[in-house]
Amino acid sequence: MSKITLLAGLIAMAIFNTSVHAEDKPVQQLKAFLKNTKSLSADFKQVLINEAGNPTQTSFGAFYLQKPGKFRWDYVKPFQQQIVSTSGKVWFYDTDLEQVTVKKLDESVGSTPALLLSGDISLEDNFTMEHQGVDGDLMWIKLLPKNQESSFKYVLIGLDKDSLGGMELSDNFGQLTRIYFSNVILNPPLKQTLFEFKAPKGVDVFSD
């Protein structure tokens, strides 16, 4: 399973979960967005950046999310990949490799973000928040995991007024993942079949 699919899954876990401080207006705006958003669909552009600050891969696709615990990333360029999460499991399907990997939600993307999405962990106990100001027309807020064994250093969430505009994730290997969202629709009616996955005939399936 490639690092790009692992990071995408982890980012999806962090999108709708955060710890807040009542006196911080930007954080309260993010809190309201997270509380009021039950589902979401968007197009995305994802850029991986190495330790030297150089982009190493740019991907495009569509993203869908529905609380609790359901999300789907459809990568269409430059490679076709799918990441589907529901019922506590995540399916990683690489079209070119004709391979599917199935993992438990907490094992596939790091326990804290995954359990946060499920609502089983206290948000305040697991993240601290820092308002980062406005850059590129987006208001940025940093999520810092309190767990020192977390698989990522921080996640930045960028709000475009009352909607999601972008995200940045820094992992423990010095790589940044930046995602830019467009055509964002909040609380759309999503078909449940979006979050159902059946391995195509003939592909190799690996399950933990």
Protein backbone atom coordinates (compact mmCIF):
# COMPACT_ATOMS: atom_id res chain seq x y z
CA MET A 1 0.00 0.00 0.00
CA SER A 2 1.48 3.34 -1.01
CA LYS A 3 2.14 6.22 1.37
CA ILE A 4 -0.24 8.43 -0.61
CA THR A 5 -3.22 6.20 0.24
CA LEU A 6 -2.22 5.95 3.89
CA LEU A 7 -1.97 9.73 4.21
CA ALA A 8 -5.27 10.27 2.46
CA GLY A 9 -6.99 8.02 4.91
CA LEU A 10 -5.39 9.76 7.88
CA ILE A 11 -6.41 13.18 6.57
CA ALA A 12 -9.96 12.05 6.18
CA MET A 13 -9.99 11.05 9.84
CA ALA A 14 -8.87 14.49 10.97
CA ILE A 15 -11.24 16.60 8.89
CA PHE A 16 -14.22 16.58 11.24
CA ASN A 17 -12.49 16.32 14.60
CA THR A 18 -10.80 18.92 16.76
CA SER A 19 -10.24 20.35 20.22
CA VAL A 20 -11.35 23.93 20.84
CA HIS A 21 -10.83 26.92 23.12
CA ALA A 22 -13.93 29.05 23.76
CA GLU A 23 -12.09 32.37 23.66
CA ASP A 24 -10.69 31.81 20.14
CA LYS A 25 -13.21 33.03 17.54
CA PRO A 26 -11.58 31.26 14.53
CA VAL A 27 -11.57 28.00 16.47
CA GLN A 28 -15.23 28.52 17.34
CA GLN A 29 -15.94 29.05 13.64
CA LEU A 30 -14.23 25.75 12.89
CA LYS A 31 -16.15 24.09 15.72
CA ALA A 32 -19.44 25.28 14.24
CA PHE A 33 -18.44 24.02 10.80
CA LEU A 34 -17.54 20.60 12.16
CA LYS A 35 -20.71 20.34 14.22
CA ASN A 36 -23.04 21.40 11.42
CA THR A 37 -21.43 19.30 8.68
CA LYS A 38 -22.88 15.81 8.61
CA SER A 39 -21.80 14.98 5.04
CA LEU A 40 -19.58 16.54 2.39
CA SER A 41 -18.56 16.10 -1.23
CA ALA A 42 -15.74 17.89 -3.04
CA ASP A 43 -13.14 17.72 -5.78
CA PHE A 44 -9.54 17.77 -4.61
CA LYS A 45 -5.97 18.34 -5.69
CA GLN A 46 -3.37 16.61 -3.52
CA VAL A 47 0.32 17.51 -3.56
CA LEU A 48 3.05 15.51 -1.81
CA ILE A 49 6.10 17.56 -0.80
CA ASN A 50 9.40 16.01 0.28
CA GLU A 51 11.87 17.10 2.97
CA ALA A 52 13.57 19.46 0.53
CA GLY A 53 10.31 21.30 -0.06
CA ASN A 54 9.87 19.95 -3.58
CA PRO A 55 6.58 18.53 -4.90
CA THR A 56 6.98 14.84 -5.73
CA GLN A 57 3.48 13.88 -6.85
CA THR A 58 0.24 15.68 -7.66
CA SER A 59 -3.07 13.79 -7.69
CA PHE A 60 -6.65 14.72 -8.53
CA GLY A 61 -9.97 13.19 -7.61
CA ALA A 62 -13.20 13.38 -5.64
CA PHE A 63 -13.87 13.08 -1.92
CA TYR A 64 -17.02 12.08 -0.02
CA LEU A 65 -17.62 11.93 3.72
CA GLN A 66 -20.58 11.06 5.92
CA LYS A 67 -20.72 10.85 9.68
CA PRO A 68 -20.20 8.63 11.47
CA GLY A 69 -17.12 6.91 10.11
CA LYS A 70 -17.77 6.80 6.37
CA PHE A 71 -15.51 8.32 3.73
CA ARG A 72 -14.37 7.72 0.18
CA TRP A 73 -11.42 9.07 -1.84
CA ASP A 74 -11.55 8.47 -5.60
CA TYR A 75 -8.17 9.19 -7.20
CA VAL A 76 -8.49 9.58 -10.96
CA LYS A 77 -5.17 11.19 -12.02
CA PRO A 78 -2.38 10.28 -12.51
CA PHE A 79 -3.27 6.85 -11.10
CA GLN A 80 -6.63 5.33 -10.26
CA GLN A 81 -7.04 4.41 -6.62
CA GLN A 82 -9.96 4.12 -4.21
CA ILE A 83 -10.07 4.36 -0.44
CA VAL A 84 -13.40 3.44 1.12
CA SER A 85 -14.19 3.39 4.83
CA THR A 86 -17.29 2.04 6.57
CA SER A 87 -18.19 -0.28 9.46
CA GLY A 88 -14.79 0.14 11.11
CA LYS A 89 -12.77 -1.03 8.10
CA VAL A 90 -10.87 0.66 5.26
CA TRP A 91 -10.48 -0.78 1.75
CA PHE A 92 -7.49 0.39 -0.30
CA TYR A 93 -7.89 -0.51 -3.97
CA ASP A 94 -5.03 0.08 -6.40
CA THR A 95 -6.38 -0.35 -9.93
CA ASP A 96 -3.00 -0.68 -11.64
CA LEU A 97 -1.70 -3.27 -9.18
CA GLU A 98 -5.06 -5.09 -9.16
CA GLN A 99 -4.72 -5.28 -5.40
CA VAL A 100 -7.04 -4.60 -2.46
CA THR A 101 -5.82 -4.18 1.12
CA VAL A 102 -8.34 -4.30 3.97
CA LYS A 103 -7.44 -2.90 7.38
CA LYS A 104 -9.15 -2.05 10.62
CA LEU A 105 -9.83 1.67 10.79
CA ASP A 106 -7.56 2.41 13.73
CA GLU A 107 -4.67 0.34 12.30
CA SER A 108 -4.84 1.81 8.81
CA VAL A 109 -4.48 5.50 9.58
CA GLY A 110 -3.30 5.89 13.14
CA SER A 111 -5.44 5.26 16.19
CA THR A 112 -6.15 8.77 17.40
CA PRO A 113 -7.59 10.33 14.22
CA ALA A 114 -9.57 7.20 13.43
CA LEU A 115 -11.16 6.91 16.85
CA LEU A 116 -11.89 10.63 16.88
CA LEU A 117 -13.98 10.27 13.77
CA SER A 118 -15.95 7.48 15.39
CA GLY A 119 -16.75 9.78 18.32
CA ASP A 120 -15.27 7.39 20.89
CA ILE A 121 -12.49 9.70 22.09
CA SER A 122 -12.69 13.05 23.85
CA LEU A 123 -11.61 15.74 21.39
CA GLU A 124 -10.27 18.02 24.11
CA ASP A 125 -8.11 15.23 25.50
CA ASN A 126 -6.38 14.50 22.20
CA PHE A 127 -5.76 17.77 20.36
CA THR A 128 -4.67 21.33 21.09
CA MET A 129 -5.48 24.14 18.64
CA GLU A 130 -3.53 27.11 17.34
CA HIS A 131 -4.97 29.84 15.13
CA GLN A 132 -2.49 30.38 12.26
CA GLY A 133 -4.01 33.49 10.67
CA VAL A 134 -5.08 34.02 7.06
CA ASP A 135 -3.01 32.91 4.08
CA GLY A 136 -4.12 32.44 0.50
CA ASP A 137 -7.66 33.62 1.31
CA LEU A 138 -8.03 30.77 3.81
CA MET A 139 -8.18 30.98 7.58
CA TRP A 140 -5.84 28.33 8.95
CA ILE A 141 -6.04 26.46 12.25
CA LYS A 142 -3.44 23.94 13.44
CA LEU A 143 -4.34 20.68 15.19
CA LEU A 144 -1.54 19.32 17.36
CA PRO A 145 -1.93 15.74 18.64
CA LYS A 146 -1.23 15.40 22.32
CA ASN A 147 -0.23 11.76 21.86
CA GLN A 148 3.53 11.75 21.24
CA GLU A 149 3.22 8.41 19.44
CA SER A 150 0.91 9.86 16.80
CA SER A 151 1.84 9.10 13.20
CA PHE A 152 1.68 12.78 12.27
CA LYS A 153 3.10 16.03 13.70
CA TYR A 154 0.19 18.31 12.92
CA VAL A 155 -2.78 18.92 10.66
CA LEU A 156 -3.71 22.34 9.31
CA ILE A 157 -7.34 23.00 8.34
CA GLY A 158 -8.08 25.95 6.06
CA LEU A 159 -11.56 27.46 6.09
CA ASP A 160 -12.97 29.38 3.14
CA LYS A 161 -15.57 31.45 5.00
CA ASP A 162 -17.88 28.75 6.39
CA SER A 163 -16.62 25.91 4.20
CA LEU A 164 -13.57 23.69 3.82
CA GLY A 165 -10.86 25.10 1.58
CA GLY A 166 -7.68 23.15 2.21
CA MET A 167 -5.62 20.94 4.50
CA GLU A 168 -1.98 20.24 5.22
CA LEU A 169 -0.56 17.26 7.07
CA SER A 170 3.01 16.85 8.28
CA ASP A 171 4.09 13.28 8.97
CA ASN A 172 6.99 12.00 11.04
CA PHE A 173 9.10 11.32 7.92
CA GLY A 174 9.44 15.00 6.95
CA GLN A 175 6.85 14.83 4.16
CA LEU A 176 4.00 17.30 3.73
CA THR A 177 0.66 16.47 2.14
CA ARG A 178 -1.35 19.45 0.92
CA ILE A 179 -4.93 19.16 -0.29
CA TYR A 180 -6.89 21.89 -2.03
CA PHE A 181 -10.68 21.42 -2.13
CA SER A 182 -13.02 22.83 -4.76
CA ASN A 183 -16.72 22.48 -5.62
CA VAL A 184 -17.40 21.76 -1.96
CA ILE A 185 -21.00 20.84 -1.14
CA LEU A 186 -22.02 20.67 2.52
CA ASN A 187 -24.59 18.15 3.74
CA PRO A 188 -25.50 16.70 0.33
CA PRO A 189 -27.67 13.57 0.20
CA LEU A 190 -25.14 10.83 -0.50
CA LYS A 191 -25.99 7.37 -1.75
CA GLN A 192 -24.95 4.69 0.72
CA THR A 193 -23.53 2.67 -2.16
CA LEU A 194 -20.67 5.20 -2.24
CA PHE A 195 -19.40 3.65 0.98
CA GLU A 196 -19.83 0.04 -0.03
CA PHE A 197 -16.88 -1.78 -1.53
CA LYS A 198 -16.75 -5.12 -3.28
CA ALA A 199 -13.43 -6.30 -4.65
CA PRO A 200 -13.51 -6.72 -8.45
CA LYS A 201 -13.10 -10.22 -9.84
CA GLY A 202 -9.55 -11.37 -10.25
CA VAL A 203 -7.84 -8.91 -7.88
CA ASP A 204 -5.66 -9.96 -4.97
CA VAL A 205 -7.19 -9.21 -1.56
CA PHE A 206 -5.03 -8.88 1.56
CA SER A 207 -6.69 -8.56 4.95
CA ASP A 208 -5.15 -8.00 8.37
